[in-house]
All heavy atoms as atom14 arrays in JSON, in Angstrom:
{
  "sequence": "HVRYLKDKQHTLALMKRHAVIMAPKFRTVLEVLEREIAPLGFARWNR",
  "atom14_mask": [
    [1, 1, 1, 1, 1, 1, 1, 1, 1, 1, 0, 0, 0, 0],
    [1, 1, 1, 1, 1, 1, 1, 0, 0, 0, 0, 0, 0, 0],
    [1, 1, 1, 1, 1, 1, 1, 1, 1, 1, 1, 0, 0, 0],
    [1, 1, 1, 1, 1, 1, 1, 1, 1, 1, 1, 1, 0, 0],
    [1, 1, 1, 1, 1, 1, 1, 1, 0, 0, 0, 0, 0, 0],
    [1, 1, 1, 1, 1, 1, 1, 1, 1, 0, 0, 0, 0, 0],
    [1, 1, 1, 1, 1, 1, 1, 1, 0, 0, 0, 0, 0, 0],
    [1, 1, 1, 1, 1, 1, 1, 1, 1, 0, 0, 0, 0, 0],
    [1, 1, 1, 1, 1, 1, 1, 1, 1, 0, 0, 0, 0, 0],
    [1, 1, 1, 1, 1, 1, 1, 1, 1, 1, 0, 0, 0, 0],
    [1, 1, 1, 1, 1, 1, 1, 0, 0, 0, 0, 0, 0, 0],
    [1, 1, 1, 1, 1, 1, 1, 1, 0, 0, 0, 0, 0, 0],
    [1, 1, 1, 1, 1, 0, 0, 0, 0, 0, 0, 0, 0, 0],
    [1, 1, 1, 1, 1, 1, 1, 1, 0, 0, 0, 0, 0, 0],
    [1, 1, 1, 1, 1, 1, 1, 1, 0, 0, 0, 0, 0, 0],
    [1, 1, 1, 1, 1, 1, 1, 1, 1, 0, 0, 0, 0, 0],
    [1, 1, 1, 1, 1, 1, 1, 1, 1, 1, 1, 0, 0, 0],
    [1, 1, 1, 1, 1, 1, 1, 1, 1, 1, 0, 0, 0, 0],
    [1, 1, 1, 1, 1, 0, 0, 0, 0, 0, 0, 0, 0, 0],
    [1, 1, 1, 1, 1, 1, 1, 0, 0, 0, 0, 0, 0, 0],
    [1, 1, 1, 1, 1, 1, 1, 1, 0, 0, 0, 0, 0, 0],
    [1, 1, 1, 1, 1, 1, 1, 1, 0, 0, 0, 0, 0, 0],
    [1, 1, 1, 1, 1, 0, 0, 0, 0, 0, 0, 0, 0, 0],
    [1, 1, 1, 1, 1, 1, 1, 0, 0, 0, 0, 0, 0, 0],
    [1, 1, 1, 1, 1, 1, 1, 1, 1, 0, 0, 0, 0, 0],
    [1, 1, 1, 1, 1, 1, 1, 1, 1, 1, 1, 0, 0, 0],
    [1, 1, 1, 1, 1, 1, 1, 1, 1, 1, 1, 0, 0, 0],
    [1, 1, 1, 1, 1, 1, 1, 0, 0, 0, 0, 0, 0, 0],
    [1, 1, 1, 1, 1, 1, 1, 0, 0, 0, 0, 0, 0, 0],
    [1, 1, 1, 1, 1, 1, 1, 1, 0, 0, 0, 0, 0, 0],
    [1, 1, 1, 1, 1, 1, 1, 1, 1, 0, 0, 0, 0, 0],
    [1, 1, 1, 1, 1, 1, 1, 0, 0, 0, 0, 0, 0, 0],
    [1, 1, 1, 1, 1, 1, 1, 1, 0, 0, 0, 0, 0, 0],
    [1, 1, 1, 1, 1, 1, 1, 1, 1, 0, 0, 0, 0, 0],
    [1, 1, 1, 1, 1, 1, 1, 1, 1, 1, 1, 0, 0, 0],
    [1, 1, 1, 1, 1, 1, 1, 1, 1, 0, 0, 0, 0, 0],
    [1, 1, 1, 1, 1, 1, 1, 1, 0, 0, 0, 0, 0, 0],
    [1, 1, 1, 1, 1, 0, 0, 0, 0, 0, 0, 0, 0, 0],
    [1, 1, 1, 1, 1, 1, 1, 0, 0, 0, 0, 0, 0, 0],
    [1, 1, 1, 1, 1, 1, 1, 1, 0, 0, 0, 0, 0, 0],
    [1, 1, 1, 1, 0, 0, 0, 0, 0, 0, 0, 0, 0, 0],
    [1, 1, 1, 1, 1, 1, 1, 1, 1, 1, 1, 0, 0, 0],
    [1, 1, 1, 1, 1, 0, 0, 0, 0, 0, 0, 0, 0, 0],
    [1, 1, 1, 1, 1, 1, 1, 1, 1, 1, 1, 0, 0, 0],
    [1, 1, 1, 1, 1, 1, 1, 1, 1, 1, 1, 1, 1, 1],
    [1, 1, 1, 1, 1, 1, 1, 1, 0, 0, 0, 0, 0, 0],
    [1, 1, 1, 1, 1, 1, 1, 1, 1, 1, 1, 0, 0, 0]
  ],
  "atom14_positions": [
    [[64.97, 232.22, 106.03], [64.5, 231.66, 104.8], [63.4, 232.55, 104.18], [63.36, 232.73, 102.96], [63.95, 230.23, 105.06], [65.0, 229.18, 104.98], [65.92, 228.98, 105.99], [65.29, 228.29, 103.98], [66.74, 228.01, 105.61], [66.38, 227.55, 104.45], [0.0, 0.0, 0.0], [0.0, 0.0, 0.0], [0.0, 0.0, 0.0], [0.0, 0.0, 0.0]],
    [[62.53, 233.04, 104.98], [61.43, 233.85, 104.44], [61.98, 235.16, 103.84], [61.58, 235.58, 102.76], [60.38, 234.18, 105.53], [59.34, 235.19, 105.02], [59.66, 232.88, 105.97], [0.0, 0.0, 0.0], [0.0, 0.0, 0.0], [0.0, 0.0, 0.0], [0.0, 0.0, 0.0], [0.0, 0.0, 0.0], [0.0, 0.0, 0.0], [0.0, 0.0, 0.0]],
    [[62.92, 235.77, 104.52], [63.5, 237.01, 104.03], [64.25, 236.75, 102.71], [64.29, 237.59, 101.84], [64.49, 237.57, 105.07], [63.81, 238.07, 106.35], [63.45, 239.54, 106.28], [62.6, 239.94, 107.39], [63.07, 240.3, 108.61], [64.39, 240.25, 108.86], [62.23, 240.7, 109.55], [0.0, 0.0, 0.0], [0.0, 0.0, 0.0], [0.0, 0.0, 0.0]],
    [[64.86, 235.55, 102.59], [65.65, 235.28, 101.42], [64.81, 234.76, 100.26], [64.93, 235.2, 99.13], [66.73, 234.24, 101.76], [67.71, 233.97, 100.64], [68.76, 234.84, 100.39], [67.59, 232.86, 99.84], [69.67, 234.62, 99.36], [68.47, 232.61, 98.81], [69.53, 233.51, 98.54], [70.38, 233.27, 97.53], [0.0, 0.0, 0.0], [0.0, 0.0, 0.0]],
    [[63.92, 233.78, 100.54], [63.11, 233.18, 99.49], [61.9, 234.02, 99.12], [61.37, 233.88, 98.0], [62.65, 231.8, 99.93], [63.76, 230.79, 100.17], [63.21, 229.46, 100.74], [64.53, 230.49, 98.89], [0.0, 0.0, 0.0], [0.0, 0.0, 0.0], [0.0, 0.0, 0.0], [0.0, 0.0, 0.0], [0.0, 0.0, 0.0], [0.0, 0.0, 0.0]],
    [[61.44, 234.85, 100.04], [60.36, 235.82, 99.85], [58.97, 235.15, 99.63], [58.1, 235.2, 100.46], [60.66, 236.79, 98.71], [61.85, 237.68, 98.97], [62.07, 238.63, 97.8], [63.11, 239.68, 98.11], [64.39, 239.19, 98.62], [0.0, 0.0, 0.0], [0.0, 0.0, 0.0], [0.0, 0.0, 0.0], [0.0, 0.0, 0.0], [0.0, 0.0, 0.0]],
    [[58.78, 234.54, 98.46], [57.47, 233.94, 98.13], [57.67, 232.86, 97.08], [58.78, 232.57, 96.66], [56.47, 234.99, 97.66], [57.02, 235.84, 96.49], [57.85, 235.33, 95.73], [56.6, 237.01, 96.35], [0.0, 0.0, 0.0], [0.0, 0.0, 0.0], [0.0, 0.0, 0.0], [0.0, 0.0, 0.0], [0.0, 0.0, 0.0], [0.0, 0.0, 0.0]],
    [[56.56, 232.31, 96.62], [56.64, 231.21, 95.67], [57.32, 231.62, 94.39], [58.18, 230.91, 93.83], [55.22, 230.65, 95.42], [55.21, 229.49, 94.43], [53.8, 228.93, 94.3], [53.74, 227.73, 93.36], [52.33, 227.21, 93.26], [0.0, 0.0, 0.0], [0.0, 0.0, 0.0], [0.0, 0.0, 0.0], [0.0, 0.0, 0.0], [0.0, 0.0, 0.0]],
    [[56.91, 232.75, 93.82], [57.45, 233.18, 92.54], [58.96, 233.44, 92.6], [59.71, 233.09, 91.72], [56.69, 234.46, 92.04], [55.31, 234.19, 91.55], [55.24, 233.1, 90.47], [56.03, 233.13, 89.51], [54.32, 232.14, 90.63], [0.0, 0.0, 0.0], [0.0, 0.0, 0.0], [0.0, 0.0, 0.0], [0.0, 0.0, 0.0], [0.0, 0.0, 0.0]],
    [[59.4, 234.08, 93.7], [60.81, 234.33, 93.86], [61.57, 233.0, 94.02], [62.7, 232.85, 93.49], [61.04, 235.24, 95.12], [62.41, 235.8, 95.19], [63.41, 235.21, 95.97], [62.98, 236.89, 94.58], [64.51, 235.93, 95.84], [64.27, 236.94, 95.02], [0.0, 0.0, 0.0], [0.0, 0.0, 0.0], [0.0, 0.0, 0.0], [0.0, 0.0, 0.0]],
    [[60.99, 232.07, 94.7], [61.59, 230.75, 94.87], [61.69, 230.01, 93.55], [62.67, 229.31, 93.26], [60.81, 229.91, 95.91], [60.68, 230.66, 97.13], [61.53, 228.61, 96.22], [0.0, 0.0, 0.0], [0.0, 0.0, 0.0], [0.0, 0.0, 0.0], [0.0, 0.0, 0.0], [0.0, 0.0, 0.0], [0.0, 0.0, 0.0], [0.0, 0.0, 0.0]],
    [[60.63, 230.11, 92.73], [60.66, 229.46, 91.43], [61.78, 230.0, 90.55], [62.4, 229.25, 89.79], [59.32, 229.62, 90.72], [58.14, 228.75, 91.3], [56.84, 229.11, 90.58], [58.44, 227.31, 91.16], [0.0, 0.0, 0.0], [0.0, 0.0, 0.0], [0.0, 0.0, 0.0], [0.0, 0.0, 0.0], [0.0, 0.0, 0.0], [0.0, 0.0, 0.0]],
    [[62.07, 231.32, 90.68], [63.19, 231.88, 89.91], [64.5, 231.31, 90.39], [65.39, 231.0, 89.57], [63.2, 233.39, 90.13], [0.0, 0.0, 0.0], [0.0, 0.0, 0.0], [0.0, 0.0, 0.0], [0.0, 0.0, 0.0], [0.0, 0.0, 0.0], [0.0, 0.0, 0.0], [0.0, 0.0, 0.0], [0.0, 0.0, 0.0], [0.0, 0.0, 0.0]],
    [[64.6, 231.06, 91.73], [65.83, 230.38, 92.21], [65.91, 228.95, 91.71], [67.03, 228.5, 91.32], [65.79, 230.38, 93.75], [66.86, 229.53, 94.46], [68.27, 230.01, 94.13], [66.64, 229.54, 95.97], [0.0, 0.0, 0.0], [0.0, 0.0, 0.0], [0.0, 0.0, 0.0], [0.0, 0.0, 0.0], [0.0, 0.0, 0.0], [0.0, 0.0, 0.0]],
    [[64.78, 228.26, 91.61], [64.8, 226.89, 91.15], [65.21, 226.78, 89.67], [65.76, 225.76, 89.25], [63.43, 226.24, 91.33], [63.02, 226.11, 92.82], [64.29, 225.4, 93.89], [64.33, 223.73, 93.3], [0.0, 0.0, 0.0], [0.0, 0.0, 0.0], [0.0, 0.0, 0.0], [0.0, 0.0, 0.0], [0.0, 0.0, 0.0], [0.0, 0.0, 0.0]],
    [[64.99, 227.84, 88.91], [65.49, 227.89, 87.52], [67.0, 227.88, 87.52], [67.61, 227.24, 86.62], [64.97, 229.13, 86.82], [63.5, 229.09, 86.41], [63.34, 228.21, 85.15], [61.97, 228.31, 84.57], [61.75, 227.41, 83.42], [0.0, 0.0, 0.0], [0.0, 0.0, 0.0], [0.0, 0.0, 0.0], [0.0, 0.0, 0.0], [0.0, 0.0, 0.0]],
    [[67.62, 228.52, 88.48], [69.07, 228.52, 88.58], [69.59, 227.14, 89.01], [70.62, 226.67, 88.53], [69.52, 229.61, 89.56], [69.15, 231.02, 89.12], [69.43, 232.03, 90.26], [70.89, 232.16, 90.47], [71.39, 232.74, 91.54], [70.58, 233.19, 92.5], [72.71, 232.81, 91.68], [0.0, 0.0, 0.0], [0.0, 0.0, 0.0], [0.0, 0.0, 0.0]],
    [[68.85, 226.47, 89.89], [69.18, 225.09, 90.22], [69.09, 224.21, 88.97], [69.92, 223.33, 88.76], [68.21, 224.54, 91.27], [68.55, 224.92, 92.67], [69.53, 224.3, 93.42], [68.02, 225.85, 93.53], [69.62, 224.82, 94.64], [68.66, 225.78, 94.71], [0.0, 0.0, 0.0], [0.0, 0.0, 0.0], [0.0, 0.0, 0.0], [0.0, 0.0, 0.0]],
    [[68.08, 224.44, 88.15], [67.87, 223.62, 86.94], [69.03, 223.71, 86.01], [69.36, 222.7, 85.33], [66.56, 224.03, 86.25], [0.0, 0.0, 0.0], [0.0, 0.0, 0.0], [0.0, 0.0, 0.0], [0.0, 0.0, 0.0], [0.0, 0.0, 0.0], [0.0, 0.0, 0.0], [0.0, 0.0, 0.0], [0.0, 0.0, 0.0], [0.0, 0.0, 0.0]],
    [[69.62, 224.88, 85.91], [70.79, 225.06, 85.03], [71.94, 224.1, 85.44], [72.69, 223.62, 84.58], [71.27, 226.53, 85.05], [72.59, 226.67, 84.3], [70.22, 227.43, 84.42], [0.0, 0.0, 0.0], [0.0, 0.0, 0.0], [0.0, 0.0, 0.0], [0.0, 0.0, 0.0], [0.0, 0.0, 0.0], [0.0, 0.0, 0.0], [0.0, 0.0, 0.0]],
    [[72.02, 223.83, 86.72], [73.07, 222.91, 87.24], [72.61, 221.46, 87.1], [73.41, 220.58, 86.73], [73.38, 223.26, 88.72], [73.94, 224.69, 88.84], [74.37, 222.24, 89.29], [74.05, 225.17, 90.25], [0.0, 0.0, 0.0], [0.0, 0.0, 0.0], [0.0, 0.0, 0.0], [0.0, 0.0, 0.0], [0.0, 0.0, 0.0], [0.0, 0.0, 0.0]],
    [[71.35, 221.2, 87.36], [70.87, 219.83, 87.42], [70.63, 219.2, 86.03], [70.96, 218.04, 85.82], [69.53, 219.8, 88.21], [69.69, 220.0, 89.69], [70.38, 218.58, 90.53], [68.93, 217.51, 90.55], [0.0, 0.0, 0.0], [0.0, 0.0, 0.0], [0.0, 0.0, 0.0], [0.0, 0.0, 0.0], [0.0, 0.0, 0.0], [0.0, 0.0, 0.0]],
    [[70.09, 219.96, 85.1], [69.71, 219.41, 83.8], [70.86, 218.71, 83.08], [70.69, 217.6, 82.57], [69.05, 220.5, 82.92], [0.0, 0.0, 0.0], [0.0, 0.0, 0.0], [0.0, 0.0, 0.0], [0.0, 0.0, 0.0], [0.0, 0.0, 0.0], [0.0, 0.0, 0.0], [0.0, 0.0, 0.0], [0.0, 0.0, 0.0], [0.0, 0.0, 0.0]],
    [[72.06, 219.33, 83.01], [73.13, 218.63, 82.3], [73.54, 217.31, 82.94], [73.99, 216.39, 82.23], [74.32, 219.68, 82.38], [73.66, 220.97, 82.61], [72.46, 220.68, 83.43], [0.0, 0.0, 0.0], [0.0, 0.0, 0.0], [0.0, 0.0, 0.0], [0.0, 0.0, 0.0], [0.0, 0.0, 0.0], [0.0, 0.0, 0.0], [0.0, 0.0, 0.0]],
    [[73.34, 217.19, 84.22], [73.68, 215.95, 84.91], [72.71, 214.81, 84.51], [73.11, 213.66, 84.26], [73.68, 216.14, 86.44], [74.73, 217.15, 86.88], [74.82, 217.27, 88.38], [75.92, 218.26, 88.74], [76.17, 218.3, 90.21], [0.0, 0.0, 0.0], [0.0, 0.0, 0.0], [0.0, 0.0, 0.0], [0.0, 0.0, 0.0], [0.0, 0.0, 0.0]],
    [[71.43, 215.16, 84.45], [70.45, 214.17, 84.02], [70.65, 213.79, 82.56], [70.5, 212.62, 82.15], [69.04, 214.62, 84.31], [68.61, 214.4, 85.74], [68.97, 215.28, 86.74], [67.86, 213.29, 86.06], [68.62, 215.03, 88.04], [67.45, 213.06, 87.35], [67.82, 213.95, 88.35], [0.0, 0.0, 0.0], [0.0, 0.0, 0.0], [0.0, 0.0, 0.0]],
    [[71.0, 214.79, 81.75], [71.27, 214.5, 80.35], [72.48, 213.54, 80.21], [72.47, 212.66, 79.38], [71.53, 215.81, 79.59], [70.27, 216.6, 79.28], [70.53, 217.6, 78.17], [71.45, 218.63, 78.55], [71.12, 219.8, 79.14], [69.82, 220.02, 79.39], [72.03, 220.68, 79.45], [0.0, 0.0, 0.0], [0.0, 0.0, 0.0], [0.0, 0.0, 0.0]],
    [[73.48, 213.75, 81.05], [74.65, 212.88, 81.0], [74.26, 211.45, 81.34], [74.69, 210.52, 80.65], [75.72, 213.39, 82.0], [76.19, 214.68, 81.63], [76.89, 212.41, 82.08], [0.0, 0.0, 0.0], [0.0, 0.0, 0.0], [0.0, 0.0, 0.0], [0.0, 0.0, 0.0], [0.0, 0.0, 0.0], [0.0, 0.0, 0.0], [0.0, 0.0, 0.0]],
    [[73.48, 211.3, 82.37], [73.04, 209.93, 82.76], [72.28, 209.26, 81.59], [72.55, 208.1, 81.21], [72.15, 209.99, 84.0], [71.45, 208.65, 84.23], [72.94, 210.35, 85.23], [0.0, 0.0, 0.0], [0.0, 0.0, 0.0], [0.0, 0.0, 0.0], [0.0, 0.0, 0.0], [0.0, 0.0, 0.0], [0.0, 0.0, 0.0], [0.0, 0.0, 0.0]],
    [[71.31, 209.99, 81.03], [70.48, 209.41, 80.01], [71.24, 209.14, 78.71], [71.01, 208.17, 78.0], [69.28, 210.31, 79.75], [68.31, 210.48, 80.92], [67.24, 211.52, 80.63], [67.69, 209.15, 81.33], [0.0, 0.0, 0.0], [0.0, 0.0, 0.0], [0.0, 0.0, 0.0], [0.0, 0.0, 0.0], [0.0, 0.0, 0.0], [0.0, 0.0, 0.0]],
    [[72.19, 210.03, 78.37], [72.97, 209.86, 77.16], [73.84, 208.6, 77.25], [73.96, 207.83, 76.29], [73.85, 211.1, 76.92], [73.07, 212.29, 76.39], [73.89, 213.57, 76.4], [75.1, 213.51, 76.78], [73.35, 214.61, 76.06], [0.0, 0.0, 0.0], [0.0, 0.0, 0.0], [0.0, 0.0, 0.0], [0.0, 0.0, 0.0], [0.0, 0.0, 0.0]],
    [[74.48, 208.37, 78.42], [75.29, 207.15, 78.59], [74.43, 205.9, 78.47], [74.75, 204.94, 77.82], [76.05, 207.18, 79.92], [76.76, 205.85, 80.15], [77.1, 208.3, 79.93], [0.0, 0.0, 0.0], [0.0, 0.0, 0.0], [0.0, 0.0, 0.0], [0.0, 0.0, 0.0], [0.0, 0.0, 0.0], [0.0, 0.0, 0.0], [0.0, 0.0, 0.0]],
    [[73.26, 205.94, 79.13], [72.34, 204.78, 79.11], [71.85, 204.52, 77.68], [71.79, 203.35, 77.24], [71.19, 204.98, 80.02], [71.51, 204.99, 81.53], [70.25, 205.33, 82.36], [72.12, 203.67, 81.98], [0.0, 0.0, 0.0], [0.0, 0.0, 0.0], [0.0, 0.0, 0.0], [0.0, 0.0, 0.0], [0.0, 0.0, 0.0], [0.0, 0.0, 0.0]],
    [[71.51, 205.58, 76.92], [71.04, 205.39, 75.6], [72.12, 204.83, 74.69], [71.86, 203.98, 73.81], [70.54, 206.74, 75.02], [69.27, 207.24, 75.69], [68.01, 206.42, 75.35], [68.08, 205.62, 74.36], [66.99, 206.55, 76.01], [0.0, 0.0, 0.0], [0.0, 0.0, 0.0], [0.0, 0.0, 0.0], [0.0, 0.0, 0.0], [0.0, 0.0, 0.0]],
    [[73.35, 205.31, 74.89], [74.45, 204.91, 74.05], [74.96, 203.49, 74.37], [75.19, 202.67, 73.49], [75.59, 205.93, 74.2], [76.8, 205.63, 73.27], [77.85, 206.74, 73.38], [78.46, 206.78, 74.69], [78.34, 207.79, 75.57], [77.59, 208.8, 75.28], [78.96, 207.75, 76.74], [0.0, 0.0, 0.0], [0.0, 0.0, 0.0], [0.0, 0.0, 0.0]],
    [[75.11, 203.21, 75.67], [75.78, 201.97, 76.08], [74.84, 200.82, 76.37], [75.2, 199.67, 76.21], [76.62, 202.26, 77.34], [77.71, 203.3, 77.13], [78.83, 202.8, 76.23], [79.03, 201.56, 76.15], [79.49, 203.62, 75.58], [0.0, 0.0, 0.0], [0.0, 0.0, 0.0], [0.0, 0.0, 0.0], [0.0, 0.0, 0.0], [0.0, 0.0, 0.0]],
    [[73.63, 201.12, 76.83], [72.74, 200.02, 77.32], [71.51, 199.84, 76.42], [71.15, 198.68, 76.18], [72.27, 200.34, 78.77], [73.49, 200.54, 79.69], [71.37, 199.25, 79.29], [74.4, 199.32, 79.78], [0.0, 0.0, 0.0], [0.0, 0.0, 0.0], [0.0, 0.0, 0.0], [0.0, 0.0, 0.0], [0.0, 0.0, 0.0], [0.0, 0.0, 0.0]],
    [[70.92, 200.89, 75.94], [69.68, 200.73, 75.13], [69.78, 199.74, 73.98], [68.88, 198.86, 73.83], [69.23, 202.09, 74.63], [0.0, 0.0, 0.0], [0.0, 0.0, 0.0], [0.0, 0.0, 0.0], [0.0, 0.0, 0.0], [0.0, 0.0, 0.0], [0.0, 0.0, 0.0], [0.0, 0.0, 0.0], [0.0, 0.0, 0.0], [0.0, 0.0, 0.0]],
    [[70.87, 199.75, 73.21], [70.93, 198.77, 72.08], [71.02, 197.31, 72.53], [70.71, 196.42, 71.72], [72.21, 199.16, 71.36], [72.49, 200.58, 71.75], [72.01, 200.68, 73.18], [0.0, 0.0, 0.0], [0.0, 0.0, 0.0], [0.0, 0.0, 0.0], [0.0, 0.0, 0.0], [0.0, 0.0, 0.0], [0.0, 0.0, 0.0], [0.0, 0.0, 0.0]],
    [[71.37, 197.1, 73.79], [71.52, 195.71, 74.3], [70.22, 195.11, 74.79], [70.13, 193.9, 75.0], [72.58, 195.65, 75.38], [73.96, 196.17, 74.93], [74.95, 196.23, 76.11], [74.51, 195.31, 73.83], [0.0, 0.0, 0.0], [0.0, 0.0, 0.0], [0.0, 0.0, 0.0], [0.0, 0.0, 0.0], [0.0, 0.0, 0.0], [0.0, 0.0, 0.0]],
    [[69.23, 195.97, 75.02], [67.88, 195.47, 75.25], [67.58, 194.8, 76.58], [66.52, 194.18, 76.7], [0.0, 0.0, 0.0], [0.0, 0.0, 0.0], [0.0, 0.0, 0.0], [0.0, 0.0, 0.0], [0.0, 0.0, 0.0], [0.0, 0.0, 0.0], [0.0, 0.0, 0.0], [0.0, 0.0, 0.0], [0.0, 0.0, 0.0], [0.0, 0.0, 0.0]],
    [[68.42, 194.95, 77.6], [68.15, 194.22, 78.86], [67.76, 195.12, 79.99], [67.58, 194.65, 81.13], [69.37, 193.38, 79.26], [70.62, 194.16, 79.63], [70.74, 194.75, 80.85], [71.63, 194.31, 78.71], [71.87, 195.46, 81.19], [72.8, 195.0, 79.01], [72.9, 195.6, 80.28], [0.0, 0.0, 0.0], [0.0, 0.0, 0.0], [0.0, 0.0, 0.0]],
    [[67.6, 196.4, 79.76], [67.24, 197.35, 80.84], [66.3, 198.41, 80.28], [66.28, 198.72, 79.12], [68.49, 197.97, 81.43], [0.0, 0.0, 0.0], [0.0, 0.0, 0.0], [0.0, 0.0, 0.0], [0.0, 0.0, 0.0], [0.0, 0.0, 0.0], [0.0, 0.0, 0.0], [0.0, 0.0, 0.0], [0.0, 0.0, 0.0], [0.0, 0.0, 0.0]],
    [[65.55, 199.0, 81.23], [64.7, 200.14, 80.89], [64.78, 201.16, 82.04], [65.09, 200.8, 83.16], [63.25, 199.72, 80.64], [62.62, 198.97, 81.82], [61.21, 198.49, 81.54], [60.67, 197.71, 82.63], [60.15, 198.2, 83.74], [60.07, 199.53, 83.92], [59.68, 197.41, 84.67], [0.0, 0.0, 0.0], [0.0, 0.0, 0.0], [0.0, 0.0, 0.0]],
    [[64.5, 202.4, 81.75], [64.63, 203.44, 82.75], [63.67, 204.58, 82.48], [63.12, 204.74, 81.36], [66.08, 203.99, 82.8], [66.61, 204.35, 81.45], [66.55, 205.56, 80.81], [67.3, 203.46, 80.53], [67.12, 205.48, 79.57], [67.61, 204.23, 79.39], [67.68, 202.13, 80.59], [68.31, 203.67, 78.31], [68.36, 201.59, 79.51], [68.66, 202.34, 78.38]],
    [[63.43, 205.41, 83.5], [62.57, 206.54, 83.34], [63.38, 207.76, 82.84], [64.6, 207.78, 82.88], [61.88, 206.93, 84.64], [62.85, 207.35, 85.71], [64.02, 206.95, 85.73], [62.38, 208.15, 86.66], [0.0, 0.0, 0.0], [0.0, 0.0, 0.0], [0.0, 0.0, 0.0], [0.0, 0.0, 0.0], [0.0, 0.0, 0.0], [0.0, 0.0, 0.0]],
    [[62.66, 208.75, 82.3], [63.27, 209.96, 81.79], [62.6, 211.18, 82.42], [61.78, 211.81, 81.79], [63.22, 210.02, 80.25], [64.02, 208.92, 79.6], [63.7, 208.67, 78.13], [64.51, 207.67, 77.52], [64.33, 206.37, 77.65], [63.32, 205.91, 78.38], [65.12, 205.53, 77.03], [0.0, 0.0, 0.0], [0.0, 0.0, 0.0], [0.0, 0.0, 0.0]]
  ]
}
């Protein structure tokens, strides 16, 4: 792990690549909730 991750800055660069995969999934969740549930007024969620 140390040889691969090297240090904090190198690891943060890797986490940016993770973010490219993760962000669209969270957007999908929030878009469905905003479209299907928000107008009905019976639930709330974090973003």
